[in-house]
Amino acid sequence: MSDEPLYSMLGFTDSEWGLLVGLPQSVLTAASAASPDSTRKTRAETAAGLDVISDARASASPMVAAVAGAILSRAGDPELGEEPPVIEPSDPIAYVEDVLGRAAEANALLVAKAEQADAETYKHWLVEIAESVVGAASTGGVLGLGGETVTDSERAFRDDLAKALAD
């Protein structure tokens, strides 16, 4: 058995692995921040995103499973009842732009270093996280009735993320 970290065996440096591990939770936060919501709705969005992250531990992609495991060991495992803090960026627009820039950087990294199946699975997973978050709670309406399931700004973030991850 080697003492070499898994990310190293997958061909990534420590900083590259940090980008890949940090991005899914950042996508969750950016997708939630794309439209301002109540604390209750933001919590529902966070929970939906964390469920997608948690489920990825069973991914057929060893890289995605390892990333998901690393996130949950750091942020808390929803299956164990651990609730990580809800992150609400002070400047949501700048945060979304930063996340999209990191997504493009991760895309270039994956194209250069990852197995194609791992890269495609990871990129699809990020869009799936965003999709889950933006669809978790409606925005607007009164007393939980009406409102938009996915707002224009949420849809724009999801679409911009998919573009940033396109080869």
N, C-alpha and C. Protein backbone atom coordinates (compact mmCIF):
# COMPACT_ATOMS: atom_id res chain seq x y z
N MET A 1 0.85 -1.18 0.00
CA MET A 1 0.00 0.00 0.00
C MET A 1 0.89 1.24 0.00
N SER A 2 0.54 2.17 -0.82
CA SER A 2 1.34 3.38 -0.97
C SER A 2 0.84 4.48 -0.02
N ASP A 3 1.77 5.32 0.42
CA ASP A 3 1.40 6.48 1.22
C ASP A 3 1.03 7.67 0.34
N GLU A 4 1.12 7.47 -0.95
CA GLU A 4 0.81 8.53 -1.91
C GLU A 4 -0.68 8.85 -1.84
N PRO A 5 -1.05 10.15 -1.75
CA PRO A 5 -2.47 10.50 -1.69
C PRO A 5 -3.19 10.10 -2.98
N LEU A 6 -4.48 9.83 -2.87
CA LEU A 6 -5.27 9.41 -4.02
C LEU A 6 -5.20 10.43 -5.15
N TYR A 7 -5.29 11.72 -4.81
CA TYR A 7 -5.26 12.73 -5.87
C TYR A 7 -3.96 12.67 -6.65
N SER A 8 -2.88 12.34 -5.98
CA SER A 8 -1.59 12.22 -6.66
C SER A 8 -1.59 11.02 -7.60
N MET A 9 -2.20 9.93 -7.13
CA MET A 9 -2.30 8.75 -7.99
C MET A 9 -3.19 9.02 -9.21
N LEU A 10 -4.13 9.96 -9.05
CA LEU A 10 -4.99 10.33 -10.17
C LEU A 10 -4.31 11.35 -11.09
N GLY A 11 -3.13 11.82 -10.70
CA GLY A 11 -2.35 12.72 -11.55
C GLY A 11 -2.49 14.20 -11.23
N PHE A 12 -3.04 14.53 -10.07
CA PHE A 12 -3.25 15.93 -9.72
C PHE A 12 -2.30 16.38 -8.61
N THR A 13 -1.97 17.65 -8.64
CA THR A 13 -1.19 18.26 -7.56
C THR A 13 -2.15 18.61 -6.42
N ASP A 14 -1.59 18.99 -5.30
CA ASP A 14 -2.40 19.39 -4.15
C ASP A 14 -3.30 20.57 -4.50
N SER A 15 -2.78 21.58 -5.16
CA SER A 15 -3.59 22.76 -5.49
C SER A 15 -4.66 22.43 -6.55
N GLU A 16 -4.33 21.56 -7.50
CA GLU A 16 -5.33 21.15 -8.49
C GLU A 16 -6.46 20.38 -7.83
N TRP A 17 -6.11 19.49 -6.91
CA TRP A 17 -7.11 18.73 -6.18
C TRP A 17 -7.97 19.68 -5.34
N GLY A 18 -7.35 20.70 -4.75
CA GLY A 18 -8.11 21.70 -3.99
C GLY A 18 -9.15 22.39 -4.85
N LEU A 19 -8.81 22.69 -6.10
CA LEU A 19 -9.78 23.30 -7.02
C LEU A 19 -10.94 22.34 -7.27
N LEU A 20 -10.63 21.08 -7.55
CA LEU A 20 -11.67 20.11 -7.86
C LEU A 20 -12.56 19.81 -6.66
N VAL A 21 -11.99 19.80 -5.46
CA VAL A 21 -12.76 19.53 -4.24
C VAL A 21 -13.58 20.76 -3.82
N GLY A 22 -13.04 21.94 -4.01
CA GLY A 22 -13.74 23.15 -3.60
C GLY A 22 -14.87 23.57 -4.52
N LEU A 23 -14.78 23.19 -5.79
CA LEU A 23 -15.74 23.69 -6.78
C LEU A 23 -17.17 23.21 -6.57
N PRO A 24 -17.44 21.95 -6.27
CA PRO A 24 -18.85 21.55 -6.12
C PRO A 24 -19.61 22.34 -5.05
N GLN A 25 -19.00 22.56 -3.92
CA GLN A 25 -19.68 23.33 -2.88
C GLN A 25 -19.81 24.80 -3.30
N SER A 26 -18.84 25.31 -4.04
CA SER A 26 -18.94 26.68 -4.56
C SER A 26 -20.07 26.79 -5.58
N VAL A 27 -20.23 25.77 -6.41
CA VAL A 27 -21.35 25.75 -7.37
C VAL A 27 -22.67 25.77 -6.61
N LEU A 28 -22.77 24.98 -5.55
CA LEU A 28 -23.97 24.96 -4.72
C LEU A 28 -24.26 26.37 -4.20
N THR A 29 -23.26 27.02 -3.64
CA THR A 29 -23.44 28.36 -3.07
C THR A 29 -23.81 29.38 -4.15
N ALA A 30 -23.14 29.32 -5.29
CA ALA A 30 -23.42 30.28 -6.37
C ALA A 30 -24.82 30.07 -6.94
N ALA A 31 -25.23 28.82 -7.09
CA ALA A 31 -26.57 28.54 -7.61
C ALA A 31 -27.63 29.08 -6.65
N SER A 32 -27.39 28.94 -5.36
CA SER A 32 -28.32 29.45 -4.36
C SER A 32 -28.32 30.98 -4.34
N ALA A 33 -27.15 31.58 -4.52
CA ALA A 33 -27.02 33.04 -4.47
C ALA A 33 -27.50 33.72 -5.74
N ALA A 34 -27.74 32.95 -6.79
CA ALA A 34 -28.16 33.55 -8.07
C ALA A 34 -29.46 34.33 -7.94
N SER A 35 -30.34 33.90 -7.03
CA SER A 35 -31.57 34.64 -6.72
C SER A 35 -31.70 34.73 -5.21
N PRO A 36 -31.85 35.93 -4.67
CA PRO A 36 -31.97 36.06 -3.22
C PRO A 36 -33.26 35.40 -2.72
N ASP A 37 -33.15 34.66 -1.64
CA ASP A 37 -34.28 33.94 -1.06
C ASP A 37 -34.30 34.13 0.44
N SER A 38 -35.34 33.62 1.05
CA SER A 38 -35.42 33.61 2.51
C SER A 38 -34.42 32.58 3.04
N THR A 39 -34.13 32.66 4.32
CA THR A 39 -33.22 31.72 4.94
C THR A 39 -33.75 30.30 4.80
N ARG A 40 -35.05 30.10 4.95
CA ARG A 40 -35.65 28.77 4.83
C ARG A 40 -35.43 28.20 3.44
N LYS A 41 -35.63 29.01 2.42
CA LYS A 41 -35.44 28.54 1.04
C LYS A 41 -33.97 28.30 0.74
N THR A 42 -33.10 29.15 1.28
CA THR A 42 -31.67 28.94 1.07
C THR A 42 -31.23 27.63 1.72
N ARG A 43 -31.77 27.33 2.90
CA ARG A 43 -31.45 26.06 3.56
C ARG A 43 -31.94 24.87 2.71
N ALA A 44 -33.13 24.98 2.13
CA ALA A 44 -33.66 23.91 1.28
C ALA A 44 -32.77 23.72 0.06
N GLU A 45 -32.30 24.83 -0.52
CA GLU A 45 -31.40 24.74 -1.67
C GLU A 45 -30.09 24.08 -1.29
N THR A 46 -29.55 24.48 -0.14
CA THR A 46 -28.29 23.90 0.33
C THR A 46 -28.45 22.40 0.57
N ALA A 47 -29.54 22.02 1.20
CA ALA A 47 -29.79 20.59 1.47
C ALA A 47 -29.89 19.80 0.16
N ALA A 48 -30.56 20.36 -0.84
CA ALA A 48 -30.69 19.67 -2.13
C ALA A 48 -29.33 19.48 -2.78
N GLY A 49 -28.50 20.51 -2.74
CA GLY A 49 -27.16 20.41 -3.32
C GLY A 49 -26.29 19.42 -2.58
N LEU A 50 -26.38 19.43 -1.25
CA LEU A 50 -25.59 18.49 -0.45
C LEU A 50 -26.02 17.04 -0.69
N ASP A 51 -27.30 16.84 -0.95
CA ASP A 51 -27.76 15.48 -1.27
C ASP A 51 -27.10 14.97 -2.55
N VAL A 52 -26.99 15.84 -3.55
CA VAL A 52 -26.35 15.44 -4.81
C VAL A 52 -24.86 15.17 -4.58
N ILE A 53 -24.23 16.00 -3.76
CA ILE A 53 -22.82 15.78 -3.44
C ILE A 53 -22.66 14.46 -2.68
N SER A 54 -23.51 14.23 -1.70
CA SER A 54 -23.45 13.01 -0.91
C SER A 54 -23.65 11.76 -1.77
N ASP A 55 -24.63 11.81 -2.66
CA ASP A 55 -24.91 10.66 -3.53
C ASP A 55 -23.72 10.32 -4.43
N ALA A 56 -22.90 11.30 -4.73
CA ALA A 56 -21.76 11.08 -5.64
C ALA A 56 -20.69 10.19 -5.03
N ARG A 57 -20.75 9.95 -3.73
CA ARG A 57 -19.78 9.02 -3.13
C ARG A 57 -19.92 7.62 -3.72
N ALA A 58 -21.07 7.33 -4.32
CA ALA A 58 -21.31 6.03 -4.94
C ALA A 58 -21.10 6.09 -6.45
N SER A 59 -20.50 7.14 -6.94
CA SER A 59 -20.27 7.31 -8.38
C SER A 59 -19.37 6.20 -8.93
N ALA A 60 -19.62 5.85 -10.17
CA ALA A 60 -18.76 4.88 -10.86
C ALA A 60 -17.39 5.49 -11.15
N SER A 61 -17.30 6.81 -11.11
CA SER A 61 -16.03 7.50 -11.34
C SER A 61 -15.26 7.55 -10.03
N PRO A 62 -14.08 6.91 -9.96
CA PRO A 62 -13.29 6.97 -8.73
C PRO A 62 -12.93 8.40 -8.34
N MET A 63 -12.70 9.25 -9.33
CA MET A 63 -12.33 10.63 -9.05
C MET A 63 -13.50 11.37 -8.41
N VAL A 64 -14.69 11.25 -8.99
CA VAL A 64 -15.87 11.95 -8.45
C VAL A 64 -16.20 11.42 -7.06
N ALA A 65 -16.13 10.11 -6.87
CA ALA A 65 -16.40 9.53 -5.55
C ALA A 65 -15.41 10.07 -4.51
N ALA A 66 -14.15 10.19 -4.90
CA ALA A 66 -13.12 10.71 -3.99
C ALA A 66 -13.35 12.19 -3.68
N VAL A 67 -13.74 12.97 -4.68
CA VAL A 67 -14.01 14.40 -4.46
C VAL A 67 -15.20 14.54 -3.50
N ALA A 68 -16.27 13.79 -3.75
CA ALA A 68 -17.45 13.87 -2.89
C ALA A 68 -17.10 13.48 -1.45
N GLY A 69 -16.32 12.43 -1.29
CA GLY A 69 -15.91 12.01 0.05
C GLY A 69 -15.09 13.08 0.75
N ALA A 70 -14.19 13.72 0.00
CA ALA A 70 -13.36 14.78 0.59
C ALA A 70 -14.21 15.97 1.01
N ILE A 71 -15.21 16.32 0.21
CA ILE A 71 -16.08 17.45 0.56
C ILE A 71 -16.83 17.16 1.84
N LEU A 72 -17.43 15.99 1.92
CA LEU A 72 -18.27 15.67 3.07
C LEU A 72 -17.46 15.45 4.34
N SER A 73 -16.22 15.00 4.19
CA SER A 73 -15.39 14.86 5.39
C SER A 73 -15.02 16.23 5.94
N ARG A 74 -14.99 17.22 5.07
CA ARG A 74 -14.65 18.59 5.46
C ARG A 74 -15.88 19.39 5.89
N ALA A 75 -16.97 19.25 5.13
CA ALA A 75 -18.13 20.12 5.33
C ALA A 75 -19.21 19.52 6.22
N GLY A 76 -19.23 18.21 6.35
CA GLY A 76 -20.27 17.55 7.14
C GLY A 76 -21.12 16.66 6.25
N ASP A 77 -21.51 15.52 6.79
CA ASP A 77 -22.25 14.52 6.04
C ASP A 77 -23.73 14.61 6.39
N PRO A 78 -24.58 14.96 5.40
CA PRO A 78 -26.01 15.07 5.69
C PRO A 78 -26.63 13.75 6.12
N GLU A 79 -26.06 12.63 5.70
CA GLU A 79 -26.58 11.33 6.09
C GLU A 79 -26.36 11.06 7.58
N LEU A 80 -25.42 11.77 8.17
CA LEU A 80 -25.16 11.64 9.61
C LEU A 80 -25.84 12.75 10.40
N GLY A 81 -26.66 13.55 9.71
CA GLY A 81 -27.36 14.64 10.37
C GLY A 81 -26.51 15.88 10.58
N GLU A 82 -25.33 15.90 9.98
CA GLU A 82 -24.45 17.07 10.11
C GLU A 82 -24.90 18.13 9.12
N GLU A 83 -25.08 19.34 9.61
CA GLU A 83 -25.49 20.44 8.75
C GLU A 83 -24.38 21.47 8.65
N PRO A 84 -23.76 21.56 7.48
CA PRO A 84 -22.75 22.60 7.31
C PRO A 84 -23.42 23.97 7.31
N PRO A 85 -22.67 25.00 7.58
CA PRO A 85 -23.27 26.34 7.59
C PRO A 85 -23.72 26.74 6.19
N VAL A 86 -24.78 27.51 6.15
CA VAL A 86 -25.25 28.07 4.88
C VAL A 86 -24.38 29.29 4.58
N ILE A 87 -23.77 29.29 3.41
CA ILE A 87 -22.88 30.38 3.03
C ILE A 87 -23.65 31.34 2.14
N GLU A 88 -23.67 32.60 2.54
CA GLU A 88 -24.33 33.63 1.74
C GLU A 88 -23.30 34.70 1.42
N PRO A 89 -22.79 34.70 0.17
CA PRO A 89 -21.75 35.67 -0.20
C PRO A 89 -22.25 37.11 -0.08
N SER A 90 -21.36 37.99 0.34
CA SER A 90 -21.73 39.40 0.48
C SER A 90 -21.95 40.06 -0.88
N ASP A 91 -21.25 39.57 -1.92
CA ASP A 91 -21.43 40.09 -3.28
C ASP A 91 -21.74 38.91 -4.20
N PRO A 92 -23.04 38.53 -4.28
CA PRO A 92 -23.40 37.34 -5.05
C PRO A 92 -22.97 37.38 -6.52
N ILE A 93 -23.03 38.55 -7.14
CA ILE A 93 -22.66 38.64 -8.56
C ILE A 93 -21.18 38.34 -8.75
N ALA A 94 -20.34 38.92 -7.91
CA ALA A 94 -18.90 38.66 -8.00
C ALA A 94 -18.60 37.20 -7.67
N TYR A 95 -19.33 36.63 -6.71
CA TYR A 95 -19.12 35.24 -6.34
C TYR A 95 -19.46 34.31 -7.51
N VAL A 96 -20.59 34.56 -8.15
CA VAL A 96 -20.99 33.75 -9.31
C VAL A 96 -19.93 33.84 -10.39
N GLU A 97 -19.43 35.03 -10.67
CA GLU A 97 -18.39 35.20 -11.70
C GLU A 97 -17.12 34.43 -11.33
N ASP A 98 -16.75 34.48 -10.05
CA ASP A 98 -15.57 33.75 -9.58
C ASP A 98 -15.76 32.24 -9.78
N VAL A 99 -16.93 31.73 -9.42
CA VAL A 99 -17.21 30.30 -9.56
C VAL A 99 -17.16 29.90 -11.04
N LEU A 100 -17.71 30.71 -11.90
CA LEU A 100 -17.68 30.39 -13.34
C LEU A 100 -16.23 30.39 -13.86
N GLY A 101 -15.42 31.31 -13.36
CA GLY A 101 -14.00 31.32 -13.74
C GLY A 101 -13.28 30.07 -13.27
N ARG A 102 -13.57 29.66 -12.03
CA ARG A 102 -12.95 28.43 -11.51
C ARG A 102 -13.46 27.20 -12.24
N ALA A 103 -14.71 27.23 -12.69
CA ALA A 103 -15.25 26.10 -13.46
C ALA A 103 -14.51 25.98 -14.80
N ALA A 104 -14.25 27.10 -15.44
CA ALA A 104 -13.49 27.06 -16.70
C ALA A 104 -12.07 26.55 -16.46
N GLU A 105 -11.47 26.97 -15.35
CA GLU A 105 -10.13 26.50 -14.98
C GLU A 105 -10.14 24.99 -14.73
N ALA A 106 -11.16 24.52 -14.01
CA ALA A 106 -11.28 23.08 -13.74
C ALA A 106 -11.49 22.31 -15.04
N ASN A 107 -12.27 22.87 -15.94
CA ASN A 107 -12.50 22.21 -17.23
C ASN A 107 -11.18 22.01 -17.97
N ALA A 108 -10.37 23.05 -18.04
CA ALA A 108 -9.07 22.95 -18.71
C ALA A 108 -8.18 21.92 -18.02
N LEU A 109 -8.20 21.91 -16.70
CA LEU A 109 -7.42 20.93 -15.94
C LEU A 109 -7.88 19.52 -16.24
N LEU A 110 -9.18 19.29 -16.24
CA LEU A 110 -9.72 17.96 -16.50
C LEU A 110 -9.39 17.49 -17.92
N VAL A 111 -9.50 18.38 -18.88
CA VAL A 111 -9.17 18.02 -20.26
C VAL A 111 -7.71 17.60 -20.36
N ALA A 112 -6.85 18.30 -19.63
CA ALA A 112 -5.42 18.02 -19.70
C ALA A 112 -4.99 16.79 -18.91
N LYS A 113 -5.64 16.51 -17.77
CA LYS A 113 -5.09 15.51 -16.87
C LYS A 113 -5.98 14.32 -16.53
N ALA A 114 -7.28 14.45 -16.66
CA ALA A 114 -8.18 13.40 -16.18
C ALA A 114 -8.53 12.43 -17.30
N GLU A 115 -8.91 11.23 -16.89
CA GLU A 115 -9.49 10.28 -17.83
C GLU A 115 -10.77 10.92 -18.38
N GLN A 116 -11.08 10.70 -19.64
CA GLN A 116 -12.23 11.35 -20.25
C GLN A 116 -13.52 11.03 -19.49
N ALA A 117 -13.71 9.78 -19.10
CA ALA A 117 -14.93 9.40 -18.38
C ALA A 117 -15.04 10.14 -17.04
N ASP A 118 -13.92 10.26 -16.32
CA ASP A 118 -13.92 11.00 -15.05
C ASP A 118 -14.25 12.47 -15.28
N ALA A 119 -13.63 13.05 -16.30
CA ALA A 119 -13.86 14.46 -16.60
C ALA A 119 -15.33 14.72 -16.93
N GLU A 120 -15.90 13.90 -17.79
CA GLU A 120 -17.30 14.09 -18.18
C GLU A 120 -18.24 13.88 -16.99
N THR A 121 -17.95 12.88 -16.17
CA THR A 121 -18.79 12.61 -14.99
C THR A 121 -18.72 13.78 -14.02
N TYR A 122 -17.53 14.31 -13.79
CA TYR A 122 -17.35 15.44 -12.87
C TYR A 122 -18.11 16.66 -13.37
N LYS A 123 -17.97 16.98 -14.66
CA LYS A 123 -18.63 18.17 -15.21
C LYS A 123 -20.15 18.01 -15.17
N HIS A 124 -20.64 16.84 -15.50
CA HIS A 124 -22.08 16.59 -15.44
C HIS A 124 -22.57 16.73 -14.00
N TRP A 125 -21.78 16.23 -13.07
CA TRP A 125 -22.13 16.31 -11.65
C TRP A 125 -22.25 17.76 -11.19
N LEU A 126 -21.35 18.62 -11.61
CA LEU A 126 -21.44 20.03 -11.23
C LEU A 126 -22.74 20.66 -11.73
N VAL A 127 -23.10 20.37 -12.97
CA VAL A 127 -24.35 20.92 -13.53
C VAL A 127 -25.55 20.32 -12.78
N GLU A 128 -25.45 19.04 -12.42
CA GLU A 128 -26.52 18.39 -11.66
C GLU A 128 -26.69 19.05 -10.28
N ILE A 129 -25.59 19.42 -9.64
CA ILE A 129 -25.66 20.13 -8.35
C ILE A 129 -26.40 21.45 -8.55
N ALA A 130 -26.01 22.21 -9.56
CA ALA A 130 -26.66 23.49 -9.83
C ALA A 130 -28.14 23.29 -10.13
N GLU A 131 -28.46 22.31 -10.94
CA GLU A 131 -29.85 22.01 -11.31
C GLU A 131 -30.68 21.68 -10.07
N SER A 132 -30.13 20.89 -9.19
CA SER A 132 -30.83 20.50 -7.96
C SER A 132 -31.07 21.72 -7.06
N VAL A 133 -30.07 22.56 -6.94
CA VAL A 133 -30.19 23.74 -6.07
C VAL A 133 -31.23 24.72 -6.61
N VAL A 134 -31.15 25.04 -7.89
CA VAL A 134 -32.07 26.05 -8.43
C VAL A 134 -33.51 25.55 -8.48
N GLY A 135 -33.71 24.26 -8.49
CA GLY A 135 -35.06 23.71 -8.51
C GLY A 135 -35.60 23.37 -7.14
N ALA A 136 -34.84 23.60 -6.10
CA ALA A 136 -35.24 23.15 -4.75
C ALA A 136 -36.29 24.02 -4.09
N ALA A 137 -36.35 25.28 -4.42
CA ALA A 137 -37.30 26.18 -3.76
C ALA A 137 -37.75 27.25 -4.75
N SER A 138 -39.04 27.52 -4.78
CA SER A 138 -39.54 28.56 -5.67
C SER A 138 -39.19 29.92 -5.09
N THR A 139 -39.12 30.90 -5.97
CA THR A 139 -38.82 32.27 -5.57
C THR A 139 -40.04 33.12 -5.86
N GLY A 140 -40.36 34.00 -4.94
CA GLY A 140 -41.54 34.85 -5.10
C GLY A 140 -42.77 34.15 -4.58
N GLY A 141 -43.93 34.63 -4.93
CA GLY A 141 -45.16 34.03 -4.46
C GLY A 141 -45.51 34.52 -3.06
N VAL A 142 -46.65 34.03 -2.56
CA VAL A 142 -47.13 34.43 -1.25
C VAL A 142 -47.49 33.18 -0.46
N LEU A 143 -46.96 33.09 0.75
CA LEU A 143 -47.25 31.96 1.64
C LEU A 143 -46.96 30.62 0.99
N GLY A 144 -45.88 30.59 0.22
CA GLY A 144 -45.47 29.34 -0.41
C GLY A 144 -46.23 28.99 -1.67
N LEU A 145 -47.13 29.85 -2.10
CA LEU A 145 -47.91 29.59 -3.32
C LEU A 145 -47.43 30.50 -4.45
N GLY A 146 -47.38 29.96 -5.63
CA GLY A 146 -46.96 30.75 -6.78
C GLY A 146 -45.46 30.91 -6.81
N GLY A 147 -45.02 31.86 -7.56
CA GLY A 147 -43.59 32.09 -7.69
C GLY A 147 -42.99 31.24 -8.79
N GLU A 148 -41.74 31.50 -9.07
CA GLU A 148 -41.03 30.78 -10.12
C GLU A 148 -40.22 29.65 -9.51
N THR A 149 -40.28 28.47 -10.13
CA THR A 149 -39.46 27.37 -9.65
C THR A 149 -38.00 27.69 -9.93
N VAL A 150 -37.70 28.10 -11.15
CA VAL A 150 -36.34 28.48 -11.53
C VAL A 150 -36.41 29.88 -12.12
N THR A 151 -35.71 30.83 -11.51
CA THR A 151 -35.73 32.20 -12.00
C THR A 151 -34.80 32.37 -13.20
N ASP A 152 -34.92 33.49 -13.87
CA ASP A 152 -34.05 33.77 -15.01
C ASP A 152 -32.58 33.81 -14.59
N SER A 153 -32.29 34.41 -13.42
CA SER A 153 -30.89 34.49 -12.99
C SER A 153 -30.36 33.11 -12.59
N GLU A 154 -31.20 32.26 -12.02
CA GLU A 154 -30.77 30.89 -11.70
C GLU A 154 -30.52 30.10 -12.98
N ARG A 155 -31.43 30.25 -13.93
CA ARG A 155 -31.28 29.56 -15.22
C ARG A 155 -30.00 30.04 -15.93
N ALA A 156 -29.75 31.35 -15.85
CA ALA A 156 -28.55 31.90 -16.49
C ALA A 156 -27.29 31.33 -15.84
N PHE A 157 -27.27 31.21 -14.51
CA PHE A 157 -26.10 30.63 -13.85
C PHE A 157 -25.89 29.19 -14.31
N ARG A 158 -26.94 28.41 -14.28
CA ARG A 158 -26.84 27.00 -14.69
C ARG A 158 -26.32 26.89 -16.13
N ASP A 159 -26.87 27.71 -17.01
CA ASP A 159 -26.44 27.68 -18.43
C ASP A 159 -25.00 28.16 -18.59
N ASP A 160 -24.63 29.21 -17.86
CA ASP A 160 -23.26 29.72 -17.92
C ASP A 160 -22.27 28.69 -17.37
N LEU A 161 -22.68 27.97 -16.33
CA LEU A 161 -21.83 26.91 -15.78
C LEU A 161 -21.62 25.83 -16.83
N ALA A 162 -22.69 25.40 -17.47
CA ALA A 162 -22.56 24.36 -18.51
C ALA A 162 -21.63 24.83 -19.62
N LYS A 163 -21.71 26.10 -20.00
CA LYS A 163 -20.82 26.64 -21.04
C LYS A 163 -19.37 26.65 -20.59
N ALA A 164 -19.15 27.02 -19.32
CA ALA A 164 -17.78 27.07 -18.77
C ALA A 164 -17.16 25.68 -18.74
N LEU A 165 -17.99 24.65 -18.66
CA LEU A 165 -17.51 23.27 -18.56
C LEU A 165 -17.49 22.56 -19.91
N ALA A 166 -17.89 23.26 -20.97
CA ALA A 166 -17.89 22.66 -22.31
C ALA A 166 -16.46 22.68 -22.86
N ASP A 167 -16.11 21.63 -23.57
CA ASP A 167 -14.76 21.53 -24.15
C ASP A 167 -14.57 22.48 -25.31
